[in-house]
Structure formats: C-alpha cells, structure tokens
C-alpha cells in the first residue's frame, strides 16, 4: 500500500526506538530486526498475545499507558529516544495534541516521530460517502459528546508543528477495499479484502465501548456492528485514505 515502504523517517543509526500501541508486536519485531544494535520498546495497554512471534534480543515489550509511563519508567526518560512510531491509534487517543507533545518530549534532538493512521472516511469512485454510514454517524456523535476527535488524522501535521517538530512531511495513500485498484497499483493486489476485514473487526469490537452510556439498546449496538462489517466489505471503487506523517525534533 505504501509502495513497499515500512517507515518514512530517514533514520541514521538510531540507538533507541519506541513502537506505541504495538498490539501483536509485529512492527516492534520488524524494527528490532532492521536496527539490531538499537534498543526497541513495544508499548501497549495489553500484553502482546502469546504466540504472536519471537522477539529478537534487542526488543522488549512494555505494558502500560505510554503517557503515564513517562513519569514512572526510567526507560522512557525525556530526550532518550531516536524514533517514535505509532500506527492505527485513532480510536485509542483522545487528546492528540497532548499525545504528540508528550512523544516529542521523548525524542532526542534530531530524533523522528512517525504517525501512521487511517482517516475514518469512505469514498466510492471518488465520492465522499461517510455520511451514509449510520454506525459511523453514531460514532461521530459519541465522539463529540466525549470530546474525542475522530477527524484528527489529516491534522497530525498541525499537531507536530504545535509541538515544535520541523521537517514535517505527509504521505497520503489510497487504501482500496478489494483488488479493484491492482491494475493501476499492483502492490494493492496483496491487500485483497484483508484490510476491510481487519479494520472492520477493529470497529466491530470498538462500537459497544465507544457508544457505551449513550442510550443505545443492545439490539441497536448489534445492528451497528453488522453495518460495520458490511461497510468495510470489498466493493468496486471503494477506498479510504491512509496518512503517514513524520517530523523531526530540532
């Protein structure tokens, strides 16, 4: 999807890297293999699932909220890190400006932050159609009431500027739901309907939590979940936008 690029930041012999929201640890392990002389920490609220893979010796998993750990964990000292990476934290971060400021404080001068995320918008043949998704409109209403920003992904560049990062650049990629774009971009053929299934299930499980306390019945929440799977299914001409934003600490 990203022209076979894994990361975009121009790293030069980093000694410490952090993968925030590491999930299964796949990215953390890949960073560990790419930079075998560096220390790599994968941080997540939940432990990396058993059987996800074997960590190289320079990789360590850390359980906790990265913003709380800043004040508690000596491994996350200010100005200690050369590269901070995160992907798909849209539904997990409520204060994006604060999150970006805190991650900037971890960077050494010259260190890079890279934040990759999927904008929560659907397009069909270039036409914006998110307003037709009932479950998505419910999520946006919930986000407004709970002071979440689900439209923040294209704004990460601005948050990096506010935090004092420089040399900021943004790459925008088209994420097709299905293989219909493979003729123009052969690398998308391998995506098939995997992306839709993966992201669809992410929001399938998130809906009950995100809409909790807003008066929806159990049946309505289950209906929203079914709609989620339908809207993420492969369809000719259907796509989303994926952003990779990088910035350097001066």
Protein backbone atom coordinates (compact mmCIF):
# COMPACT_ATOMS: atom_id res chain seq x y z
CA UNK A 1 0.00 0.00 0.00
CA UNK A 2 2.85 2.41 0.81
CA UNK A 3 4.91 1.48 -2.24
CA UNK A 4 6.53 -1.26 -0.16
CA UNK A 5 7.78 1.28 2.37
CA UNK A 6 7.56 0.32 6.01
CA UNK A 7 8.68 3.60 7.59
CA UNK A 8 9.33 7.01 6.05
CA UNK A 9 11.58 8.70 8.60
CA UNK A 10 15.24 8.91 7.45
CA UNK A 11 16.84 7.17 10.42
CA UNK A 12 20.60 7.10 10.83
CA UNK A 13 21.99 4.55 13.28
CA UNK A 14 19.30 5.01 15.99
CA UNK A 15 20.07 3.70 19.46
CA UNK A 16 16.54 3.63 20.90
CA UNK A 17 13.17 3.21 19.18
CA UNK A 18 9.64 3.03 20.55
CA UNK A 19 6.57 1.46 18.96
CA UNK A 20 3.47 2.93 20.65
CA UNK A 21 0.34 0.81 20.59
CA UNK A 22 2.33 -2.21 19.44
CA UNK A 23 -0.57 -4.70 19.51
CA UNK A 24 0.76 -8.08 18.37
CA UNK A 25 4.31 -6.72 18.33
CA UNK A 26 4.81 -7.34 14.61
CA UNK A 27 6.11 -3.82 13.91
CA UNK A 28 8.25 -3.84 17.05
CA UNK A 29 9.95 -7.05 15.98
CA UNK A 30 10.50 -5.73 12.48
CA UNK A 31 12.14 -2.59 13.88
CA UNK A 32 14.31 -4.82 16.04
CA UNK A 33 15.49 -6.77 13.01
CA UNK A 34 16.06 -3.59 10.97
CA UNK A 35 18.18 -1.99 13.72
CA UNK A 36 19.82 -4.87 15.63
CA UNK A 37 22.18 -2.60 17.60
CA UNK A 38 19.33 -0.41 18.88
CA UNK A 39 17.09 -0.96 21.88
CA UNK A 40 13.45 -1.26 20.79
CA UNK A 41 10.45 -0.99 23.12
CA UNK A 42 6.95 -2.02 22.13
CA UNK A 43 4.36 -0.35 24.39
CA UNK A 44 0.70 -1.28 24.66
CA UNK A 45 -2.09 -1.23 27.23
CA UNK A 46 -2.37 -5.02 26.92
CA UNK A 47 0.36 -7.68 26.83
CA UNK A 48 1.47 -8.91 23.42
CA UNK A 49 -0.61 -12.06 22.78
CA UNK A 50 1.18 -15.33 23.38
CA UNK A 51 2.30 -16.93 20.15
CA UNK A 52 2.46 -13.66 18.21
CA UNK A 53 6.13 -14.16 17.42
CA UNK A 54 9.60 -14.36 18.94
CA UNK A 55 11.28 -11.10 19.89
CA UNK A 56 14.86 -10.54 18.77
CA UNK A 57 17.19 -9.94 21.73
CA UNK A 58 17.10 -6.14 21.38
CA UNK A 59 13.29 -5.93 21.68
CA UNK A 60 11.35 -5.56 24.93
CA UNK A 61 7.59 -5.40 25.47
CA UNK A 62 6.25 -2.84 27.95
CA UNK A 63 2.66 -2.92 29.27
CA UNK A 64 1.01 0.37 30.18
CA UNK A 65 -0.21 3.78 29.01
CA UNK A 66 2.76 5.45 27.37
CA UNK A 67 1.78 8.91 28.62
CA UNK A 68 1.61 7.69 32.23
CA UNK A 69 4.83 5.71 31.88
CA UNK A 70 6.69 8.92 31.01
CA UNK A 71 6.71 9.83 34.67
CA UNK A 72 7.25 6.32 36.00
CA UNK A 73 9.56 4.31 33.74
CA UNK A 74 13.25 5.20 33.55
CA UNK A 75 13.44 3.65 30.07
CA UNK A 76 11.23 6.49 28.84
CA UNK A 77 13.29 9.40 30.07
CA UNK A 78 12.98 12.79 28.35
CA UNK A 79 15.15 13.17 25.24
CA UNK A 80 16.11 9.47 25.30
CA UNK A 81 14.69 8.23 22.01
CA UNK A 82 15.69 8.49 18.34
CA UNK A 83 12.46 7.26 16.78
CA UNK A 84 8.86 7.00 17.94
CA UNK A 85 6.44 5.09 15.74
CA UNK A 86 2.69 4.61 16.01
CA UNK A 87 0.04 3.18 13.73
CA UNK A 88 -3.75 2.99 13.96
CA UNK A 89 -4.22 4.87 17.24
CA UNK A 90 -7.20 6.91 16.01
CA UNK A 91 -9.72 5.28 18.36
CA UNK A 92 -7.24 4.96 21.22
CA UNK A 93 -6.10 8.58 21.67
CA UNK A 94 -8.49 11.24 22.94
CA UNK A 95 -6.02 14.12 23.30
CA UNK A 96 -3.96 14.15 20.12
CA UNK A 97 -2.19 17.49 20.68
CA UNK A 98 -1.16 16.33 24.16
CA UNK A 99 -0.07 12.93 22.88
CA UNK A 100 2.12 14.49 20.18
CA UNK A 101 3.65 16.92 22.71
CA UNK A 102 4.48 14.07 25.09
CA UNK A 103 6.04 11.97 22.32
CA UNK A 104 8.10 14.98 21.25
CA UNK A 105 9.45 15.28 24.79
CA UNK A 106 10.81 11.73 24.49
CA UNK A 107 12.79 12.49 21.36
CA UNK A 108 16.44 13.43 21.34
CA UNK A 109 17.40 16.44 19.23
CA UNK A 110 17.42 15.12 15.69
CA UNK A 111 15.03 12.30 16.57
CA UNK A 112 11.99 11.49 14.44
CA UNK A 113 8.34 10.78 15.13
CA UNK A 114 6.24 8.88 12.60
CA UNK A 115 2.49 8.51 12.98
CA UNK A 116 0.55 6.39 10.52
CA UNK A 117 -3.22 6.26 10.64
CA UNK A 118 -6.36 5.69 8.64
CA UNK A 119 -8.75 8.60 8.20
CA UNK A 120 -12.27 7.46 9.10
CA UNK A 121 -13.79 8.40 5.74
CA UNK A 122 -15.16 6.25 2.92
CA UNK A 123 -15.07 7.11 -0.79
CA UNK A 124 -16.75 5.31 -3.70
CA UNK A 125 -15.42 6.26 -7.14
CA UNK A 126 -14.09 9.46 -5.59
CA UNK A 127 -17.36 10.42 -3.94
CA UNK A 128 -17.24 11.01 -0.19
CA UNK A 129 -19.92 8.76 1.32
CA UNK A 130 -19.21 8.55 5.06
CA UNK A 131 -22.47 10.38 5.76
CA UNK A 132 -24.36 7.35 4.50
CA UNK A 133 -22.93 5.06 7.23
CA UNK A 134 -25.31 5.08 10.20
CA UNK A 135 -22.85 3.43 12.58
CA UNK A 136 -20.18 5.97 11.65
CA UNK A 137 -22.51 8.91 12.24
CA UNK A 138 -23.27 7.41 15.67
CA UNK A 139 -19.54 7.22 16.42
CA UNK A 140 -19.04 10.85 15.42
CA UNK A 141 -21.93 11.92 17.69
CA UNK A 142 -20.42 9.90 20.54
CA UNK A 143 -17.00 11.39 19.91
CA UNK A 144 -18.43 14.91 20.05
CA UNK A 145 -20.11 14.21 23.39
CA UNK A 146 -17.00 12.58 24.84
CA UNK A 147 -14.59 15.17 23.40
CA UNK A 148 -12.84 12.71 21.07
CA UNK A 149 -11.54 13.81 17.70
CA UNK A 150 -12.16 11.10 15.10
CA UNK A 151 -11.33 13.52 12.29
CA UNK A 152 -7.83 14.25 13.53
CA UNK A 153 -5.72 12.14 11.18
CA UNK A 154 -5.20 14.79 8.44
CA UNK A 155 -4.41 17.26 11.26
CA UNK A 156 -1.48 15.34 12.77
CA UNK A 157 0.84 17.58 10.74
CA UNK A 158 -0.53 20.60 12.62
CA UNK A 159 -0.13 18.90 16.00
CA UNK A 160 3.50 18.19 15.17
CA UNK A 161 4.04 21.83 14.26
CA UNK A 162 2.46 22.94 17.56
CA UNK A 163 4.78 20.55 19.43
CA UNK A 164 7.84 22.14 17.81
CA UNK A 165 8.77 19.47 15.29
CA UNK A 166 10.29 20.50 11.97
CA UNK A 167 10.90 18.94 8.55
CA UNK A 168 7.35 17.67 8.69
CA UNK A 169 6.01 15.80 5.70
CA UNK A 170 2.84 13.88 4.96
CA UNK A 171 2.31 10.97 2.60
CA UNK A 172 -1.27 10.17 1.65
CA UNK A 173 -2.07 6.71 0.32
CA UNK A 174 -5.22 5.26 -1.18
CA UNK A 175 -6.44 2.13 0.62
CA UNK A 176 -8.78 0.21 -1.70
CA UNK A 177 -11.28 -2.18 -0.17
CA UNK A 178 -10.70 -5.10 -2.51
CA UNK A 179 -8.41 -5.64 -5.52
CA UNK A 180 -10.06 -3.25 -7.97
CA UNK A 181 -7.07 -0.85 -7.99
CA UNK A 182 -4.50 -3.58 -8.71
CA UNK A 183 -4.30 -2.70 -12.42
CA UNK A 184 -3.05 0.79 -11.55
CA UNK A 185 -1.17 -0.17 -8.40
CA UNK A 186 -0.14 -3.85 -8.43
CA UNK A 187 1.05 -3.72 -4.81
CA UNK A 188 -2.56 -3.34 -3.67
CA UNK A 189 -3.45 -6.78 -5.02
CA UNK A 190 -1.99 -8.42 -1.92
CA UNK A 191 -4.28 -6.33 0.28
CA UNK A 192 -7.36 -8.07 -1.22
CA UNK A 193 -10.13 -7.79 1.34
CA UNK A 194 -7.73 -8.21 4.26
CA UNK A 195 -7.72 -4.51 5.12
CA UNK A 196 -11.51 -4.35 5.23
CA UNK A 197 -11.74 -7.41 7.46
CA UNK A 198 -9.02 -6.19 9.81
CA UNK A 199 -10.27 -2.63 10.23
CA UNK A 200 -13.91 -3.71 10.14
CA UNK A 201 -13.36 -6.06 13.07
CA UNK A 202 -11.46 -3.33 14.91
CA UNK A 203 -14.52 -1.07 14.85
CA UNK A 204 -16.90 -4.02 15.28
CA UNK A 205 -15.39 -4.60 18.71
CA UNK A 206 -14.96 -0.88 19.47
CA UNK A 207 -18.58 0.14 18.88
CA UNK A 208 -20.08 -1.18 22.16
CA UNK A 209 -17.33 0.53 24.16
CA UNK A 210 -17.37 3.80 22.24
CA UNK A 211 -21.18 4.09 22.36
CA UNK A 212 -21.49 2.98 25.96
CA UNK A 213 -23.77 5.14 28.09
CA UNK A 214 -25.41 6.93 25.17
CA UNK A 215 -28.80 5.21 25.35
CA UNK A 216 -28.41 2.63 22.59
CA UNK A 217 -30.06 -0.74 23.19
CA UNK A 218 -28.15 -4.00 22.90
CA UNK A 219 -30.06 -4.78 19.69
CA UNK A 220 -29.13 -1.41 18.18
CA UNK A 221 -25.47 -1.86 19.05
CA UNK A 222 -25.52 -5.27 17.41
CA UNK A 223 -27.15 -3.73 14.34
CA UNK A 224 -24.38 -1.12 14.19
CA UNK A 225 -21.83 -3.93 14.39
CA UNK A 226 -23.42 -5.74 11.44
CA UNK A 227 -23.42 -2.49 9.47
CA UNK A 228 -19.75 -2.04 10.24
CA UNK A 229 -18.85 -5.36 8.66
CA UNK A 230 -20.99 -4.57 5.61
CA UNK A 231 -19.47 -1.13 5.08
CA UNK A 232 -15.91 -2.44 5.32
CA UNK A 233 -16.55 -5.21 2.80
CA UNK A 234 -14.72 -5.17 -0.53
CA UNK A 235 -16.52 -3.14 -3.20
CA UNK A 236 -15.56 -1.88 -6.65
CA UNK A 237 -14.35 1.71 -6.40
CA UNK A 238 -14.46 1.84 -2.59
CA UNK A 239 -11.45 3.21 -0.76
CA UNK A 240 -10.13 5.13 2.21
CA UNK A 241 -7.15 7.41 2.86
CA UNK A 242 -4.11 6.36 4.89
CA UNK A 243 -1.68 9.00 6.14
CA UNK A 244 1.96 8.69 7.20
CA UNK A 245 3.21 11.85 8.91
CA UNK A 246 6.80 12.39 10.03
CA UNK A 247 8.51 15.17 11.93
CA UNK A 248 11.98 15.83 13.40
CA UNK A 249 12.89 17.37 16.72
CA UNK A 250 15.32 20.24 16.15
